[in-house]
Amino acid sequence: MRSLFSSPRRLLFAAIYASSLVVWALLVLDTASLARRATEPPVFPTATVPVVTTPTPVATPLLPTPTPIPVAQSGDPDPLDVATDTGHGGFHPKTGRYIAAWLPDSFGSENRDSFEANADILDEISPFWYAPGPRGNLRYGSEARDRTLLELARSKNVLVVPTIHNVITGDDPVPGILRNPTTRSYHVQQIVDEVLTYGYDGIDVDYEFLDSSLRDEYSAFMFELADALHAQGKLLTVAVHAKDCDYCGLGGFQDWEAIGQVVDRLRIMTYDYHWRGGGPGPVAPVYWVERVARYAQTVVDPAKVVIGVPFYGYNWPRDGNGNARGQTWAMINDIIQTYRLSVNLMESNQNGLVQENWITYSSRQEGRREVWFATSSGLDAKLRLVQEFDLAGIAIWRLGGEDPRNWEVIRGRLLQDPFESQRVLSRLLPEH
């Protein structure tokens, strides 16, 4: 009698079947482990503290506005002792999805408290450390290359992916850099040299408000930077304007389909639906985030798409005179307690689910004010969108001063979401 596995074809199917059983077993163990972790407290100290196009303009919130980058430093300090290339550390994502957070100001006590309380589930930290100079060089302030942050992040298995941004005083040098291939290549080399010298895990590019005529040049820059970083085993993430069609809003210069092929993560700034320079309203209504996410997963590999979530709110003057102030949840909560305010909830409107809070109050110095800020239930709805579209994860603007309940929501939903194991299993199983 011929053996059941005598033919090469049968041997192949037997091997696939055996591999699938092994991966299935690992998936079961992974799910059980994550479920167990969801019931455990964090091991670090707890923080105390229509289709319509995207509205224009949409600005990135700055809370507070990062200190403008000074002129380029002369004479770099000695490289940090931890600058040796240690790779990307332990397993990521730590939960079912990547969790990244931007740090727009120095690593002060409020930010550090939040970081240490949640480093067990935080995958990436992106401090706003760098800006481009007119010759393609890098500018940075005294808060850059923070040894304390770097060493602490490594000890907690958090990737350090600093942001280079064009939130600067004076003329924006980015258009000139992009238009000149020589300067562009020099800029790429400057970035890669900085990443290697200080042992970062990669770089996050946040170049905003560029004209759509720079679309090809911007893509060429991203391709060149990706090649250079990946050759060194480093990551490239990019912050992009939210949009629900290719040339919508401010995102016309960012060709998602093109750059999505080379970046490691596409971080979509799905906030500022109502922005500091406009009238009051929801900062990131869920229905709009859903439209953006739905479009993104049609043009970019969903495993690279990261949804931005706001941990802040805006405080507008009711008379329309002047811009809103960006405020953390801690600042807003102080107002609620000081004025003994009732908090209103906009659960939905004619466009769909909103899930944001708002308050009004009067101060003797400033008159009537209106404040909008996200809810933990709104965050949960956005996490469900990430799961529904099988996206890579979330990027938080910003770390520090946020509602502690936000982290409870993240832990409750993402620690029970072993999607990476499921993807591995799906790739190994034969089509059926």
Protein backbone atom coordinates (compact mmCIF):
# COMPACT_ATOMS: atom_id res chain seq x y z
CA MET A 1 0.00 0.00 0.00
CA ARG A 2 1.31 3.47 -0.89
CA SER A 3 1.99 5.78 2.03
CA LEU A 4 -0.50 8.59 2.57
CA PHE A 5 2.37 11.09 2.29
CA SER A 6 4.32 9.39 -0.50
CA SER A 7 3.86 12.11 -3.12
CA PRO A 8 5.60 15.52 -2.96
CA ARG A 9 2.22 17.25 -3.17
CA ARG A 10 0.93 15.37 -0.14
CA LEU A 11 4.15 16.05 1.72
CA LEU A 12 3.71 19.76 1.01
CA PHE A 13 0.15 19.80 2.32
CA ALA A 14 1.22 17.82 5.39
CA ALA A 15 3.92 20.39 6.11
CA ILE A 16 1.47 23.27 5.68
CA TYR A 17 -1.05 21.55 7.92
CA ALA A 18 1.54 20.94 10.61
CA SER A 19 2.76 24.55 10.44
CA SER A 20 -0.82 25.78 10.70
CA LEU A 21 -1.38 23.70 13.83
CA VAL A 22 1.75 25.15 15.41
CA VAL A 23 0.72 28.73 14.61
CA TRP A 24 -2.82 28.01 15.83
CA ALA A 25 -1.40 26.85 19.13
CA LEU A 26 0.74 29.98 19.38
CA LEU A 27 -2.31 32.10 18.63
CA VAL A 28 -4.24 30.46 21.45
CA LEU A 29 -1.36 31.05 23.86
CA ASP A 30 -0.99 34.66 22.64
CA THR A 31 -4.68 35.36 23.13
CA ALA A 32 -4.64 33.85 26.60
CA SER A 33 -1.57 35.87 27.53
CA LEU A 34 -3.08 39.13 26.32
CA ALA A 35 -6.35 38.42 28.10
CA ARG A 36 -4.42 37.80 31.31
CA ARG A 37 -2.45 41.03 30.90
CA ALA A 38 -5.69 42.97 30.40
CA THR A 39 -6.74 42.06 33.92
CA GLU A 40 -3.45 43.08 35.51
CA PRO A 41 -2.62 46.63 36.58
CA PRO A 42 0.24 48.38 34.78
CA VAL A 43 3.64 47.73 36.24
CA PHE A 44 4.62 51.39 36.18
CA PRO A 45 3.39 54.23 38.42
CA THR A 46 -0.10 55.48 37.53
CA ALA A 47 -0.18 59.02 36.18
CA THR A 48 -1.85 61.52 38.48
CA VAL A 49 -2.74 63.78 36.65
CA PRO A 50 -20.32 64.82 3.74
CA VAL A 51 -18.60 61.90 1.02
CA VAL A 52 -17.62 65.55 1.70
CA THR A 53 -14.05 66.68 1.49
CA THR A 54 -11.93 67.41 4.48
CA PRO A 55 -12.57 70.93 5.84
CA THR A 56 -9.98 73.48 4.85
CA PRO A 57 -7.83 74.59 6.46
CA VAL A 58 -6.92 71.83 8.84
CA ALA A 59 -3.99 72.65 11.11
CA THR A 60 -2.00 70.45 13.42
CA PRO A 61 -2.75 71.27 17.09
CA LEU A 62 0.17 72.46 19.12
CA LEU A 63 -0.21 72.22 22.88
CA PRO A 64 1.61 74.33 23.68
CA THR A 65 3.17 75.49 20.45
CA PRO A 66 6.67 73.99 20.30
CA THR A 67 9.41 76.49 20.97
CA PRO A 68 10.60 77.73 17.56
CA ILE A 69 13.79 76.00 16.53
CA PRO A 70 16.77 78.38 16.79
CA VAL A 71 19.45 78.77 14.18
CA ALA A 72 21.50 75.67 13.53
CA GLN A 73 23.79 74.74 16.35
CA SER A 74 27.52 74.93 15.82
CA GLY A 75 29.58 72.16 17.31
CA ASP A 76 27.63 69.01 18.07
CA PRO A 77 27.87 67.52 21.53
CA ASP A 78 29.53 64.17 21.94
CA PRO A 79 27.33 61.24 20.86
CA LEU A 80 25.45 59.59 23.65
CA ASP A 81 26.86 56.50 25.25
CA VAL A 82 23.68 54.68 24.18
CA ALA A 83 24.17 55.51 20.51
CA THR A 84 25.16 52.00 19.54
CA ASP A 85 22.67 50.36 17.20
CA THR A 86 20.54 48.05 19.28
CA GLY A 87 17.97 47.30 16.60
CA HIS A 88 14.26 47.66 17.33
CA GLY A 89 14.31 46.07 20.79
CA GLY A 90 11.73 43.55 21.89
CA PHE A 91 8.41 42.55 20.41
CA HIS A 92 6.23 45.22 18.81
CA PRO A 93 3.40 45.97 18.91
CA LYS A 94 3.16 45.29 22.60
CA THR A 95 -0.64 45.08 22.40
CA GLY A 96 -2.85 44.22 19.45
CA ARG A 97 -1.92 47.46 17.64
CA TYR A 98 0.93 49.96 17.51
CA ILE A 99 0.58 52.79 20.01
CA ALA A 100 2.69 55.86 19.27
CA ALA A 101 2.70 59.27 20.95
CA TRP A 102 4.12 62.65 20.01
CA LEU A 103 5.94 64.74 22.59
CA PRO A 104 5.70 68.37 21.44
CA ASP A 105 7.65 69.93 24.30
CA SER A 106 10.38 68.99 26.75
CA PHE A 107 10.28 65.78 28.80
CA GLY A 108 8.89 67.49 31.90
CA SER A 109 7.28 65.92 34.93
CA GLU A 110 3.74 65.80 33.47
CA ASN A 111 4.91 64.13 30.27
CA ARG A 112 7.23 61.78 32.09
CA ASP A 113 4.49 60.69 34.52
CA SER A 114 2.29 59.74 31.58
CA PHE A 115 5.15 57.99 29.79
CA GLU A 116 6.17 55.89 32.79
CA ALA A 117 2.58 54.99 33.64
CA ASN A 118 1.94 53.62 30.15
CA ALA A 119 5.31 52.56 28.77
CA ASP A 120 4.28 48.91 29.09
CA ILE A 121 1.88 49.36 26.14
CA LEU A 122 3.57 52.29 24.35
CA ASP A 123 5.53 51.28 21.24
CA GLU A 124 6.92 54.56 19.90
CA ILE A 125 7.68 58.04 21.22
CA SER A 126 8.26 60.92 18.80
CA PRO A 127 9.65 64.05 20.46
CA PHE A 128 9.54 67.23 18.35
CA TRP A 129 13.30 67.73 18.27
CA TYR A 130 14.29 68.76 14.75
CA ALA A 131 13.50 71.19 11.95
CA PRO A 132 15.13 71.70 8.55
CA GLY A 133 17.54 74.52 7.81
CA PRO A 134 17.58 76.35 4.45
CA ARG A 135 20.65 74.44 3.21
CA GLY A 136 19.18 71.06 4.12
CA ASN A 137 20.93 71.02 7.49
CA LEU A 138 19.18 70.21 10.78
CA ARG A 139 18.14 72.70 13.40
CA TYR A 140 17.45 71.72 16.97
CA GLY A 141 16.96 73.22 20.39
CA SER A 142 18.36 72.39 23.81
CA GLU A 143 15.64 69.77 24.43
CA ALA A 144 16.89 67.56 21.58
CA ARG A 145 18.99 64.43 22.12
CA ASP A 146 17.63 64.14 25.64
CA ARG A 147 19.74 61.46 27.31
CA THR A 148 17.14 60.89 30.05
CA LEU A 149 14.36 60.20 27.57
CA LEU A 150 16.55 57.99 25.38
CA GLU A 151 17.81 55.83 28.23
CA LEU A 152 14.39 55.55 29.87
CA ALA A 153 12.71 54.63 26.57
CA ARG A 154 15.24 51.89 25.92
CA SER A 155 14.80 50.49 29.40
CA LYS A 156 11.03 50.26 28.74
CA ASN A 157 11.36 48.85 25.19
CA VAL A 158 9.88 51.99 23.61
CA LEU A 159 11.19 52.97 20.18
CA VAL A 160 12.53 56.53 19.90
CA VAL A 161 11.51 58.00 16.52
CA PRO A 162 12.08 61.78 16.74
CA THR A 163 10.03 64.12 14.60
CA ILE A 164 11.48 66.58 12.11
CA HIS A 165 8.91 69.28 11.42
CA ASN A 166 8.47 72.62 9.69
CA VAL A 167 6.75 74.43 12.61
CA ILE A 168 9.31 77.22 12.56
CA THR A 169 9.56 80.98 12.58
CA GLY A 170 10.24 82.77 9.31
CA ASP A 171 10.13 81.28 5.83
CA ASP A 172 9.62 77.55 5.43
CA PRO A 173 12.80 76.03 3.93
CA VAL A 174 11.12 72.76 2.91
CA PRO A 175 9.94 73.83 -0.59
CA GLY A 176 13.45 74.95 -1.53
CA ILE A 177 14.95 71.72 -0.19
CA LEU A 178 12.51 69.55 -2.11
CA ARG A 179 12.94 71.40 -5.40
CA ASN A 180 16.74 71.09 -5.44
CA PRO A 181 17.85 67.42 -5.84
CA THR A 182 21.32 68.15 -4.47
CA THR A 183 19.99 69.91 -1.37
CA ARG A 184 17.36 67.22 -0.97
CA SER A 185 20.00 64.47 -0.97
CA TYR A 186 22.10 66.43 1.52
CA HIS A 187 19.05 66.79 3.76
CA VAL A 188 18.49 63.04 3.61
CA GLN A 189 22.11 62.40 4.58
CA GLN A 190 21.91 64.84 7.48
CA ILE A 191 18.84 63.04 8.84
CA VAL A 192 20.37 59.58 8.50
CA ASP A 193 23.64 60.70 10.10
CA GLU A 194 21.73 62.10 13.08
CA VAL A 195 19.70 58.90 13.48
CA LEU A 196 22.85 56.76 13.41
CA THR A 197 24.93 59.02 15.63
CA TYR A 198 22.38 59.09 18.43
CA GLY A 199 21.06 55.58 18.01
CA TYR A 200 17.45 56.49 17.26
CA ASP A 201 15.15 53.80 15.91
CA GLY A 202 14.16 55.98 12.95
CA ILE A 203 12.72 59.36 12.06
CA ASP A 204 9.21 60.79 11.79
CA VAL A 205 8.65 63.41 9.05
CA ASP A 206 6.00 66.06 9.71
CA TYR A 207 6.20 68.52 6.81
CA GLU A 208 2.88 70.34 6.55
CA PHE A 209 1.06 73.04 4.55
CA LEU A 210 2.99 72.47 1.32
CA ASP A 211 1.60 73.35 -2.09
CA SER A 212 0.23 70.49 -4.18
CA SER A 213 2.70 71.46 -6.92
CA LEU A 214 5.38 69.84 -4.75
CA ARG A 215 3.69 66.44 -4.85
CA ASP A 216 6.33 64.71 -7.02
CA GLU A 217 9.25 66.31 -5.16
CA TYR A 218 7.78 65.33 -1.79
CA SER A 219 7.37 61.73 -2.94
CA ALA A 220 10.93 61.67 -4.29
CA PHE A 221 12.21 62.88 -0.93
CA MET A 222 10.28 60.19 0.94
CA PHE A 223 11.56 57.47 -1.41
CA GLU A 224 15.16 58.60 -1.02
CA LEU A 225 14.91 58.90 2.76
CA ALA A 226 13.22 55.51 3.07
CA ASP A 227 15.96 53.81 1.05
CA ALA A 228 18.70 55.42 3.15
CA LEU A 229 17.07 54.61 6.50
CA HIS A 230 16.05 51.07 5.60
CA ALA A 231 19.59 50.34 4.42
CA GLN A 232 20.62 50.98 8.04
CA GLY A 233 17.73 49.01 9.54
CA LYS A 234 15.92 52.18 10.67
CA LEU A 235 12.24 53.15 10.53
CA LEU A 236 10.53 55.90 8.56
CA THR A 237 7.16 57.18 9.74
CA VAL A 238 5.32 60.15 8.27
CA ALA A 239 2.60 62.45 9.58
CA VAL A 240 0.06 63.30 6.87
CA HIS A 241 -2.91 65.64 6.63
CA ALA A 242 -6.26 63.90 7.04
CA LYS A 243 -8.24 63.56 3.82
CA ASP A 244 -10.91 61.36 2.29
CA CYS A 245 -9.89 61.77 -1.34
CA ASP A 246 -6.54 62.25 -3.05
CA TYR A 247 -6.49 66.06 -3.38
CA CYS A 248 -8.84 66.93 -0.51
CA GLY A 249 -8.08 69.55 2.10
CA LEU A 250 -4.41 70.31 2.67
CA GLY A 251 -3.15 66.86 1.69
CA GLY A 252 -2.83 67.24 -2.08
CA PHE A 253 0.98 67.26 -1.95
CA GLN A 254 1.01 63.91 -0.12
CA ASP A 255 0.49 61.01 -2.52
CA TRP A 256 -0.57 58.33 -0.07
CA GLU A 257 -0.53 55.54 -2.62
CA ALA A 258 3.07 56.33 -3.59
CA ILE A 259 4.65 57.06 -0.23
CA GLY A 260 2.63 54.28 1.39
CA GLN A 261 4.80 51.82 -0.50
CA VAL A 262 8.00 52.89 1.28
CA VAL A 263 7.14 54.27 4.72
CA ASP A 264 6.83 51.96 7.70
CA ARG A 265 3.87 53.81 9.17
CA LEU A 266 1.54 56.45 7.75
CA ARG A 267 0.33 58.51 10.71
CA ILE A 268 -2.85 60.35 9.71
CA MET A 269 -3.57 63.53 11.66
CA THR A 270 -7.29 62.83 12.13
CA TYR A 271 -7.94 65.83 14.34
CA ASP A 272 -8.52 69.58 13.91
CA TYR A 273 -11.78 69.07 12.02
CA HIS A 274 -12.62 72.30 13.82
CA TRP A 275 -9.34 74.10 14.30
CA ARG A 276 -7.90 76.97 16.28
CA GLY A 277 -8.42 79.49 13.46
CA GLY A 278 -12.05 78.57 12.79
CA GLY A 279 -15.26 78.48 14.76
CA PRO A 280 -15.99 76.13 17.67
CA GLY A 281 -17.08 72.55 17.13
CA PRO A 282 -15.95 68.93 17.43
CA VAL A 283 -12.20 68.46 17.10
CA ALA A 284 -12.32 64.92 15.68
CA PRO A 285 -15.89 63.64 15.14
CA VAL A 286 -16.02 59.88 14.75
CA TYR A 287 -17.95 59.99 11.45
CA TRP A 288 -15.17 62.03 9.84
CA VAL A 289 -12.41 59.80 11.19
CA GLU A 290 -14.27 56.85 9.73
CA ARG A 291 -14.39 58.47 6.28
CA VAL A 292 -10.67 59.15 6.38
CA ALA A 293 -9.87 55.63 7.59
CA ARG A 294 -12.12 54.07 4.95
CA TYR A 295 -10.31 55.99 2.21
CA ALA A 296 -6.85 55.28 3.63
CA GLN A 297 -7.24 51.51 3.63
CA THR A 298 -8.13 51.60 -0.08
CA VAL A 299 -4.81 53.21 -1.13
CA VAL A 300 -2.31 52.13 1.54
CA ASP A 301 -1.60 48.75 3.07
CA PRO A 302 -3.82 48.82 6.19
CA ALA A 303 -0.96 47.29 8.19
CA LYS A 304 0.85 50.64 7.78
CA VAL A 305 -2.05 53.02 8.48
CA VAL A 306 -2.08 54.73 11.88
CA ILE A 307 -4.99 56.90 13.01
CA GLY A 308 -4.22 60.05 14.98
CA VAL A 309 -6.24 60.50 18.17
CA PRO A 310 -6.47 63.81 20.09
CA PHE A 311 -5.76 63.93 23.80
CA TYR A 312 -6.53 67.67 23.85
CA GLY A 313 -9.27 70.20 23.20
CA TYR A 314 -9.78 73.76 21.96
CA ASN A 315 -11.00 76.80 23.89
CA TRP A 316 -12.64 79.38 21.60
CA PRO A 317 -13.84 82.93 22.26
CA ARG A 318 -17.63 82.98 21.71
CA ASP A 319 -17.54 86.41 20.05
CA GLY A 320 -15.36 85.10 17.23
CA ASN A 321 -12.54 87.54 17.95
CA GLY A 322 -9.30 85.63 18.05
CA ASN A 323 -8.13 82.06 17.67
CA ALA A 324 -8.76 79.16 19.99
CA ARG A 325 -6.27 78.01 22.56
CA GLY A 326 -5.17 74.41 22.55
CA GLN A 327 -5.60 72.86 26.00
CA THR A 328 -4.86 69.53 27.60
CA TRP A 329 -7.58 67.62 29.38
CA ALA A 330 -5.98 68.62 32.71
CA MET A 331 -6.38 72.31 31.81
CA ILE A 332 -9.98 71.79 30.73
CA ASN A 333 -10.77 69.82 33.87
CA ASP A 334 -9.44 72.71 35.97
CA ILE A 335 -11.91 75.03 34.22
CA ILE A 336 -14.77 72.59 34.87
CA GLN A 337 -13.91 72.37 38.55
CA THR A 338 -13.26 76.10 38.99
CA TYR A 339 -16.54 77.21 37.40
CA ARG A 340 -18.51 74.14 38.56
CA LEU A 341 -19.66 73.45 35.03
CA SER A 342 -21.98 70.81 33.64
CA VAL A 343 -20.39 68.96 30.74
CA ASN A 344 -22.45 68.60 27.57
CA LEU A 345 -22.14 65.64 25.18
CA MET A 346 -22.70 65.74 21.43
CA GLU A 347 -23.27 62.07 20.80
CA SER A 348 -24.13 62.49 17.12
CA ASN A 349 -25.35 65.03 14.57
CA GLN A 350 -26.82 64.92 11.09
CA ASN A 351 -23.55 63.51 9.72
CA GLY A 352 -23.24 60.60 12.14
CA LEU A 353 -21.45 59.69 15.35
CA VAL A 354 -19.53 62.55 17.04
CA GLN A 355 -18.82 61.59 20.67
CA GLU A 356 -17.32 64.85 21.96
CA ASN A 357 -17.88 66.97 25.05
CA TRP A 358 -18.35 70.72 25.17
CA ILE A 359 -18.68 73.37 27.84
CA THR A 360 -19.33 77.11 27.95
CA TYR A 361 -18.33 79.58 30.64
CA SER A 362 -17.61 83.25 31.22
CA SER A 363 -14.53 84.82 32.69
CA ARG A 364 -14.19 88.43 33.79
CA GLN A 365 -11.05 88.89 31.72
CA GLU A 366 -12.05 87.07 28.52
CA GLY A 367 -15.84 86.99 28.37
CA ARG A 368 -17.78 84.02 27.01
CA ARG A 369 -15.76 80.95 26.01
CA GLU A 370 -16.62 77.59 24.39
CA VAL A 371 -14.50 74.46 24.78
CA TRP A 372 -14.66 71.18 22.85
CA PHE A 373 -12.76 68.05 23.77
CA ALA A 374 -12.79 64.33 23.01
CA THR A 375 -14.42 61.73 25.24
CA SER A 376 -13.13 58.31 26.25
CA SER A 377 -16.18 56.81 24.53
CA GLY A 378 -15.16 58.62 21.34
CA LEU A 379 -11.68 57.14 21.67
CA ASP A 380 -13.20 53.69 22.05
CA ALA A 381 -15.24 54.22 18.88
CA LYS A 382 -12.06 55.14 16.99
CA LEU A 383 -10.26 52.08 18.30
CA ARG A 384 -13.15 49.99 16.99
CA LEU A 385 -12.62 51.62 13.58
CA VAL A 386 -8.95 50.66 13.72
CA GLN A 387 -9.99 47.07 14.38
CA GLU A 388 -12.77 47.09 11.80
CA PHE A 389 -10.43 48.26 9.02
CA ASP A 390 -7.54 46.20 10.44
CA LEU A 391 -5.26 49.25 10.65
CA ALA A 392 -1.83 49.34 12.27
CA GLY A 393 -2.77 51.37 15.33
CA ILE A 394 -2.99 54.88 16.77
CA ALA A 395 -0.76 57.92 17.19
CA ILE A 396 -1.57 60.18 20.13
CA TRP A 397 -1.33 63.96 20.02
CA ARG A 398 -0.18 64.58 22.66
CA LEU A 399 1.48 62.84 25.61
CA GLY A 400 0.97 64.50 29.00
CA GLY A 401 -2.02 66.04 30.74
CA GLU A 402 -4.51 63.67 29.14
CA ASP A 403 -7.58 62.07 30.69
CA PRO A 404 -6.33 58.93 32.53
CA ARG A 405 -9.50 57.15 31.41
CA ASN A 406 -8.14 57.20 27.86
CA TRP A 407 -5.46 54.69 28.83
CA GLU A 408 -8.06 52.50 30.50
CA VAL A 409 -9.96 52.40 27.20
CA ILE A 410 -6.81 51.57 25.24
CA ARG A 411 -5.87 48.78 27.63
CA GLY A 412 -9.37 47.37 27.69
CA ARG A 413 -9.66 47.15 23.92
CA LEU A 414 -6.18 46.59 22.48
CA LEU A 415 -4.79 44.13 25.03
CA GLN A 416 -7.45 41.66 23.85
CA ASP A 417 -6.69 42.16 20.15
CA PRO A 418 -4.02 39.64 18.97
CA PHE A 419 -4.23 40.70 15.33
CA GLU A 420 -0.54 40.12 14.56
CA SER A 421 -0.85 36.42 15.34
CA GLN A 422 -4.01 36.22 13.27
CA ARG A 423 -2.23 37.77 10.30
CA VAL A 424 0.60 35.25 10.55
CA LEU A 425 -1.89 32.39 10.64
CA SER A 426 -3.79 33.77 7.63
CA ARG A 427 -0.58 33.92 5.59
CA LEU A 428 0.33 30.30 6.37
CA LEU A 429 -3.03 28.68 5.84
CA PRO A 430 -3.72 27.50 2.26
CA GLU A 431 -6.52 29.26 0.41
CA HIS A 432 -9.91 27.73 0.99
